Amino acid sequence: MGFSLYRMWQQLRALKVLIREFDRQRELLQQELTELRSGTVGIGRRVLTMEKSLQQQQERIEEQVEQDSGSKLYSRANKMIELGADMEELIRECELPRAEAELLMRLRQKG
C-alpha cells in the first residue's frame, strides 16, 4: 500500500509538471494569437489606406483624361479656324456651344 501511495504521489507531481507546461504553451499561443490579430488589423488599415490612395489616383487620371480631351477639342477647333472653317462648322464638327465657338473665332481674329 505504501508503494502505491508513493507511486500516486509521483504521478501527481508529473501531472503538475505537465499542467504547468501546458499552461506555459497556452500562454505562448495566446500571445501569438494576439500578435496575429493586431497584425491583421494593421494589414487591414494599410489595405484601406492603399484603396483610398488608388481611388484618388484613379480620379486624378480621369480628370487628366477629361482635360486632355477638352484641350484636344480646342486644338482641333483652332486648327479648323486656321484652315478657314466658319462658326457653324466649328459648332457641328467640334460639338461646341455657340458661345464657345464665337469666343474662339474672336480670339483667333484678334491674334
N, C-alpha and C. Protein backbone atom coordinates (compact mmCIF):
# COMPACT_ATOMS: atom_id res chain seq x y z
N MET A 1 0.81 -1.18 0.00
CA MET A 1 0.00 0.00 0.00
C MET A 1 0.86 1.25 0.00
N GLY A 2 1.98 1.22 0.74
CA GLY A 2 2.88 2.34 0.75
C GLY A 2 3.46 2.62 -0.62
N PHE A 3 3.70 1.54 -1.35
CA PHE A 3 4.24 1.68 -2.69
C PHE A 3 3.25 2.38 -3.61
N SER A 4 2.00 2.08 -3.53
CA SER A 4 1.01 2.68 -4.41
C SER A 4 0.78 4.14 -4.05
N LEU A 5 0.90 4.53 -2.76
CA LEU A 5 0.78 5.95 -2.40
C LEU A 5 1.95 6.73 -2.96
N TYR A 6 3.13 6.13 -2.85
CA TYR A 6 4.32 6.79 -3.39
C TYR A 6 4.19 6.95 -4.91
N ARG A 7 3.71 5.93 -5.51
CA ARG A 7 3.53 5.98 -6.97
C ARG A 7 2.48 7.02 -7.36
N MET A 8 1.41 7.10 -6.63
CA MET A 8 0.37 8.10 -6.90
C MET A 8 0.93 9.50 -6.70
N TRP A 9 1.76 9.65 -5.67
CA TRP A 9 2.37 10.94 -5.40
C TRP A 9 3.28 11.34 -6.56
N GLN A 10 4.07 10.42 -7.11
CA GLN A 10 4.93 10.67 -8.26
C GLN A 10 4.10 11.04 -9.49
N GLN A 11 3.02 10.33 -9.70
CA GLN A 11 2.15 10.62 -10.83
C GLN A 11 1.53 12.00 -10.69
N LEU A 12 1.15 12.35 -9.47
CA LEU A 12 0.58 13.67 -9.21
C LEU A 12 1.61 14.76 -9.52
N ARG A 13 2.85 14.55 -9.09
CA ARG A 13 3.92 15.52 -9.38
C ARG A 13 4.14 15.63 -10.89
N ALA A 14 4.12 14.50 -11.57
CA ALA A 14 4.32 14.50 -13.02
C ALA A 14 3.16 15.24 -13.70
N LEU A 15 1.95 15.02 -13.20
CA LEU A 15 0.79 15.72 -13.77
C LEU A 15 0.90 17.23 -13.53
N LYS A 16 1.37 17.63 -12.36
CA LYS A 16 1.53 19.06 -12.08
C LYS A 16 2.56 19.69 -13.04
N VAL A 17 3.62 18.97 -13.34
CA VAL A 17 4.63 19.45 -14.28
C VAL A 17 4.01 19.59 -15.66
N LEU A 18 3.23 18.59 -16.06
CA LEU A 18 2.56 18.66 -17.36
C LEU A 18 1.58 19.82 -17.42
N ILE A 19 0.85 20.03 -16.34
CA ILE A 19 -0.12 21.13 -16.31
C ILE A 19 0.60 22.47 -16.43
N ARG A 20 1.72 22.62 -15.73
CA ARG A 20 2.49 23.87 -15.84
C ARG A 20 2.98 24.07 -17.27
N GLU A 21 3.46 23.00 -17.88
CA GLU A 21 3.96 23.09 -19.26
C GLU A 21 2.82 23.43 -20.21
N PHE A 22 1.67 22.81 -20.03
CA PHE A 22 0.51 23.13 -20.88
C PHE A 22 0.06 24.58 -20.70
N ASP A 23 0.09 25.06 -19.46
CA ASP A 23 -0.27 26.46 -19.20
C ASP A 23 0.72 27.41 -19.89
N ARG A 24 2.01 27.06 -19.83
CA ARG A 24 3.02 27.89 -20.48
C ARG A 24 2.80 27.91 -22.00
N GLN A 25 2.54 26.76 -22.58
CA GLN A 25 2.29 26.69 -24.01
C GLN A 25 1.00 27.44 -24.39
N ARG A 26 -0.03 27.34 -23.56
CA ARG A 26 -1.28 28.05 -23.81
C ARG A 26 -1.04 29.56 -23.80
N GLU A 27 -0.25 30.04 -22.84
CA GLU A 27 0.06 31.46 -22.77
C GLU A 27 0.84 31.92 -24.01
N LEU A 28 1.80 31.11 -24.45
CA LEU A 28 2.55 31.45 -25.66
C LEU A 28 1.63 31.51 -26.88
N LEU A 29 0.74 30.52 -26.98
CA LEU A 29 -0.21 30.52 -28.10
C LEU A 29 -1.15 31.72 -28.03
N GLN A 30 -1.56 32.08 -26.82
CA GLN A 30 -2.42 33.25 -26.65
C GLN A 30 -1.71 34.52 -27.11
N GLN A 31 -0.42 34.63 -26.76
CA GLN A 31 0.37 35.79 -27.20
C GLN A 31 0.49 35.82 -28.72
N GLU A 32 0.76 34.66 -29.32
CA GLU A 32 0.87 34.60 -30.77
C GLU A 32 -0.44 34.99 -31.44
N LEU A 33 -1.55 34.51 -30.87
CA LEU A 33 -2.86 34.85 -31.42
C LEU A 33 -3.12 36.35 -31.32
N THR A 34 -2.77 36.94 -30.21
CA THR A 34 -2.93 38.39 -30.04
C THR A 34 -2.09 39.14 -31.06
N GLU A 35 -0.86 38.69 -31.27
CA GLU A 35 0.01 39.34 -32.26
C GLU A 35 -0.56 39.19 -33.66
N LEU A 36 -1.08 38.01 -33.97
CA LEU A 36 -1.69 37.79 -35.28
C LEU A 36 -2.89 38.71 -35.49
N ARG A 37 -3.71 38.82 -34.46
CA ARG A 37 -4.90 39.69 -34.57
C ARG A 37 -4.49 41.14 -34.79
N SER A 38 -3.51 41.61 -34.02
CA SER A 38 -3.09 43.01 -34.18
C SER A 38 -2.43 43.20 -35.54
N GLY A 39 -1.71 42.19 -36.02
CA GLY A 39 -1.12 42.28 -37.35
C GLY A 39 -2.18 42.34 -38.43
N THR A 40 -3.23 41.56 -38.25
CA THR A 40 -4.33 41.55 -39.21
C THR A 40 -5.01 42.91 -39.25
N VAL A 41 -5.21 43.51 -38.09
CA VAL A 41 -5.81 44.84 -38.03
C VAL A 41 -4.92 45.84 -38.74
N GLY A 42 -3.61 45.75 -38.50
CA GLY A 42 -2.67 46.65 -39.16
C GLY A 42 -2.69 46.49 -40.66
N ILE A 43 -2.74 45.26 -41.11
CA ILE A 43 -2.79 45.00 -42.55
C ILE A 43 -4.08 45.54 -43.12
N GLY A 44 -5.19 45.34 -42.41
CA GLY A 44 -6.48 45.87 -42.87
C GLY A 44 -6.44 47.37 -43.02
N ARG A 45 -5.82 48.04 -42.08
CA ARG A 45 -5.70 49.50 -42.16
C ARG A 45 -4.87 49.92 -43.36
N ARG A 46 -3.77 49.19 -43.58
CA ARG A 46 -2.92 49.51 -44.73
C ARG A 46 -3.65 49.28 -46.04
N VAL A 47 -4.43 48.21 -46.10
CA VAL A 47 -5.21 47.93 -47.32
C VAL A 47 -6.20 49.05 -47.57
N LEU A 48 -6.89 49.51 -46.52
CA LEU A 48 -7.85 50.61 -46.67
C LEU A 48 -7.15 51.88 -47.14
N THR A 49 -5.98 52.15 -46.58
CA THR A 49 -5.21 53.33 -47.00
C THR A 49 -4.81 53.23 -48.46
N MET A 50 -4.37 52.04 -48.86
CA MET A 50 -3.96 51.85 -50.25
C MET A 50 -5.16 51.95 -51.20
N GLU A 51 -6.31 51.42 -50.78
CA GLU A 51 -7.50 51.53 -51.61
C GLU A 51 -7.91 52.98 -51.79
N LYS A 52 -7.82 53.75 -50.72
CA LYS A 52 -8.16 55.17 -50.80
C LYS A 52 -7.19 55.90 -51.73
N SER A 53 -5.91 55.60 -51.59
CA SER A 53 -4.90 56.22 -52.45
C SER A 53 -5.12 55.84 -53.91
N LEU A 54 -5.44 54.58 -54.14
CA LEU A 54 -5.70 54.11 -55.50
C LEU A 54 -6.91 54.82 -56.10
N GLN A 55 -7.95 54.99 -55.30
CA GLN A 55 -9.15 55.69 -55.77
C GLN A 55 -8.83 57.13 -56.13
N GLN A 56 -8.02 57.80 -55.29
CA GLN A 56 -7.64 59.18 -55.57
C GLN A 56 -6.82 59.27 -56.86
N GLN A 57 -5.92 58.32 -57.05
CA GLN A 57 -5.12 58.32 -58.27
C GLN A 57 -6.00 58.07 -59.49
N GLN A 58 -6.97 57.18 -59.35
CA GLN A 58 -7.89 56.91 -60.46
C GLN A 58 -8.68 58.17 -60.82
N GLU A 59 -9.13 58.90 -59.80
CA GLU A 59 -9.88 60.14 -60.04
C GLU A 59 -8.99 61.17 -60.75
N ARG A 60 -7.72 61.26 -60.32
CA ARG A 60 -6.80 62.20 -60.97
C ARG A 60 -6.57 61.82 -62.43
N ILE A 61 -6.44 60.54 -62.67
CA ILE A 61 -6.24 60.08 -64.05
C ILE A 61 -7.45 60.42 -64.90
N GLU A 62 -8.65 60.18 -64.36
CA GLU A 62 -9.87 60.50 -65.10
C GLU A 62 -9.97 62.00 -65.38
N GLU A 63 -9.61 62.83 -64.39
CA GLU A 63 -9.62 64.28 -64.59
C GLU A 63 -8.64 64.67 -65.70
N GLN A 64 -7.46 64.06 -65.67
CA GLN A 64 -6.44 64.37 -66.68
C GLN A 64 -6.92 63.97 -68.07
N VAL A 65 -7.56 62.82 -68.17
CA VAL A 65 -8.08 62.37 -69.47
C VAL A 65 -9.13 63.36 -69.97
N GLU A 66 -10.01 63.80 -69.05
CA GLU A 66 -11.04 64.78 -69.44
C GLU A 66 -10.39 66.08 -69.90
N GLN A 67 -9.37 66.54 -69.17
CA GLN A 67 -8.69 67.78 -69.56
C GLN A 67 -8.01 67.62 -70.91
N ASP A 68 -7.36 66.47 -71.10
CA ASP A 68 -6.69 66.24 -72.38
C ASP A 68 -7.70 66.21 -73.52
N SER A 69 -8.85 65.58 -73.30
CA SER A 69 -9.88 65.53 -74.33
C SER A 69 -10.36 66.93 -74.67
N GLY A 70 -10.57 67.74 -73.64
CA GLY A 70 -11.01 69.11 -73.85
C GLY A 70 -9.97 69.93 -74.59
N SER A 71 -8.71 69.78 -74.21
CA SER A 71 -7.66 70.56 -74.89
C SER A 71 -7.49 70.09 -76.34
N LYS A 72 -7.65 68.80 -76.59
CA LYS A 72 -7.57 68.32 -77.97
C LYS A 72 -8.71 68.88 -78.80
N LEU A 73 -9.88 68.97 -78.18
CA LEU A 73 -11.04 69.52 -78.88
C LEU A 73 -10.77 70.98 -79.27
N TYR A 74 -10.23 71.76 -78.35
CA TYR A 74 -9.95 73.17 -78.65
C TYR A 74 -8.80 73.30 -79.64
N SER A 75 -7.83 72.41 -79.56
CA SER A 75 -6.74 72.44 -80.55
C SER A 75 -7.30 72.16 -81.94
N ARG A 76 -8.20 71.20 -82.01
CA ARG A 76 -8.81 70.88 -83.30
C ARG A 76 -9.62 72.08 -83.81
N ALA A 77 -10.37 72.71 -82.91
CA ALA A 77 -11.18 73.87 -83.31
C ALA A 77 -10.28 74.99 -83.81
N ASN A 78 -9.18 75.24 -83.12
CA ASN A 78 -8.24 76.29 -83.56
C ASN A 78 -7.65 75.96 -84.92
N LYS A 79 -7.31 74.71 -85.12
CA LYS A 79 -6.76 74.30 -86.41
C LYS A 79 -7.80 74.50 -87.52
N MET A 80 -9.06 74.17 -87.22
CA MET A 80 -10.11 74.36 -88.21
C MET A 80 -10.28 75.84 -88.55
N ILE A 81 -10.17 76.71 -87.53
CA ILE A 81 -10.28 78.15 -87.77
C ILE A 81 -9.13 78.60 -88.68
N GLU A 82 -7.92 78.10 -88.39
CA GLU A 82 -6.76 78.44 -89.23
C GLU A 82 -7.00 78.04 -90.68
N LEU A 83 -7.68 76.92 -90.87
CA LEU A 83 -7.93 76.41 -92.22
C LEU A 83 -9.15 77.04 -92.87
N GLY A 84 -9.79 77.98 -92.12
CA GLY A 84 -10.89 78.73 -92.72
C GLY A 84 -12.29 78.25 -92.39
N ALA A 85 -12.44 77.41 -91.38
CA ALA A 85 -13.77 76.94 -91.02
C ALA A 85 -14.60 78.10 -90.48
N ASP A 86 -15.91 78.05 -90.73
CA ASP A 86 -16.79 79.08 -90.17
C ASP A 86 -17.38 78.58 -88.85
N MET A 87 -18.15 79.46 -88.20
CA MET A 87 -18.69 79.16 -86.89
C MET A 87 -19.60 77.94 -86.90
N GLU A 88 -20.45 77.81 -87.87
CA GLU A 88 -21.38 76.68 -87.94
C GLU A 88 -20.62 75.36 -88.06
N GLU A 89 -19.54 75.39 -88.82
CA GLU A 89 -18.72 74.18 -88.97
C GLU A 89 -18.07 73.80 -87.64
N LEU A 90 -17.58 74.80 -86.90
CA LEU A 90 -17.00 74.55 -85.57
C LEU A 90 -18.02 73.93 -84.64
N ILE A 91 -19.21 74.52 -84.63
CA ILE A 91 -20.28 74.03 -83.75
C ILE A 91 -20.61 72.58 -84.09
N ARG A 92 -20.71 72.30 -85.37
CA ARG A 92 -21.12 70.96 -85.82
C ARG A 92 -20.00 69.94 -85.61
N GLU A 93 -18.80 70.25 -86.07
CA GLU A 93 -17.71 69.27 -86.05
C GLU A 93 -17.09 69.06 -84.67
N CYS A 94 -17.00 70.13 -83.89
CA CYS A 94 -16.37 70.03 -82.57
C CYS A 94 -17.39 69.93 -81.44
N GLU A 95 -18.66 69.97 -81.80
CA GLU A 95 -19.74 69.91 -80.81
C GLU A 95 -19.56 70.97 -79.72
N LEU A 96 -19.23 72.17 -80.16
CA LEU A 96 -19.05 73.30 -79.24
C LEU A 96 -20.35 74.08 -79.11
N PRO A 97 -20.61 74.62 -77.94
CA PRO A 97 -21.74 75.54 -77.83
C PRO A 97 -21.43 76.80 -78.65
N ARG A 98 -22.45 77.46 -79.11
CA ARG A 98 -22.28 78.64 -79.96
C ARG A 98 -21.39 79.69 -79.29
N ALA A 99 -21.60 79.92 -77.98
CA ALA A 99 -20.82 80.95 -77.28
C ALA A 99 -19.33 80.62 -77.31
N GLU A 100 -18.96 79.36 -77.14
CA GLU A 100 -17.55 78.98 -77.18
C GLU A 100 -16.99 79.12 -78.60
N ALA A 101 -17.78 78.72 -79.57
CA ALA A 101 -17.33 78.86 -80.96
C ALA A 101 -17.11 80.33 -81.30
N GLU A 102 -18.02 81.20 -80.87
CA GLU A 102 -17.86 82.64 -81.12
C GLU A 102 -16.61 83.17 -80.44
N LEU A 103 -16.39 82.75 -79.19
CA LEU A 103 -15.22 83.21 -78.45
C LEU A 103 -13.93 82.78 -79.16
N LEU A 104 -13.87 81.54 -79.58
CA LEU A 104 -12.68 81.07 -80.30
C LEU A 104 -12.46 81.85 -81.59
N MET A 105 -13.55 82.11 -82.31
CA MET A 105 -13.43 82.86 -83.57
C MET A 105 -12.90 84.27 -83.29
N ARG A 106 -13.43 84.92 -82.25
CA ARG A 106 -12.99 86.29 -81.93
C ARG A 106 -11.53 86.31 -81.49
N LEU A 107 -11.16 85.36 -80.63
CA LEU A 107 -9.78 85.31 -80.17
C LEU A 107 -8.83 85.08 -81.35
N ARG A 108 -9.21 84.23 -82.22
CA ARG A 108 -8.36 83.91 -83.36
C ARG A 108 -8.25 85.11 -84.31
N GLN A 109 -9.35 85.86 -84.47
CA GLN A 109 -9.35 87.04 -85.36
C GLN A 109 -8.45 88.12 -84.77
N LYS A 110 -8.45 88.28 -83.43
CA LYS A 110 -7.60 89.30 -82.81
C LYS A 110 -6.13 88.91 -82.87
N GLY A 111 -5.87 87.61 -82.85
CA GLY A 111 -4.48 87.16 -82.88
C GLY A 111 -3.95 87.21 -84.26
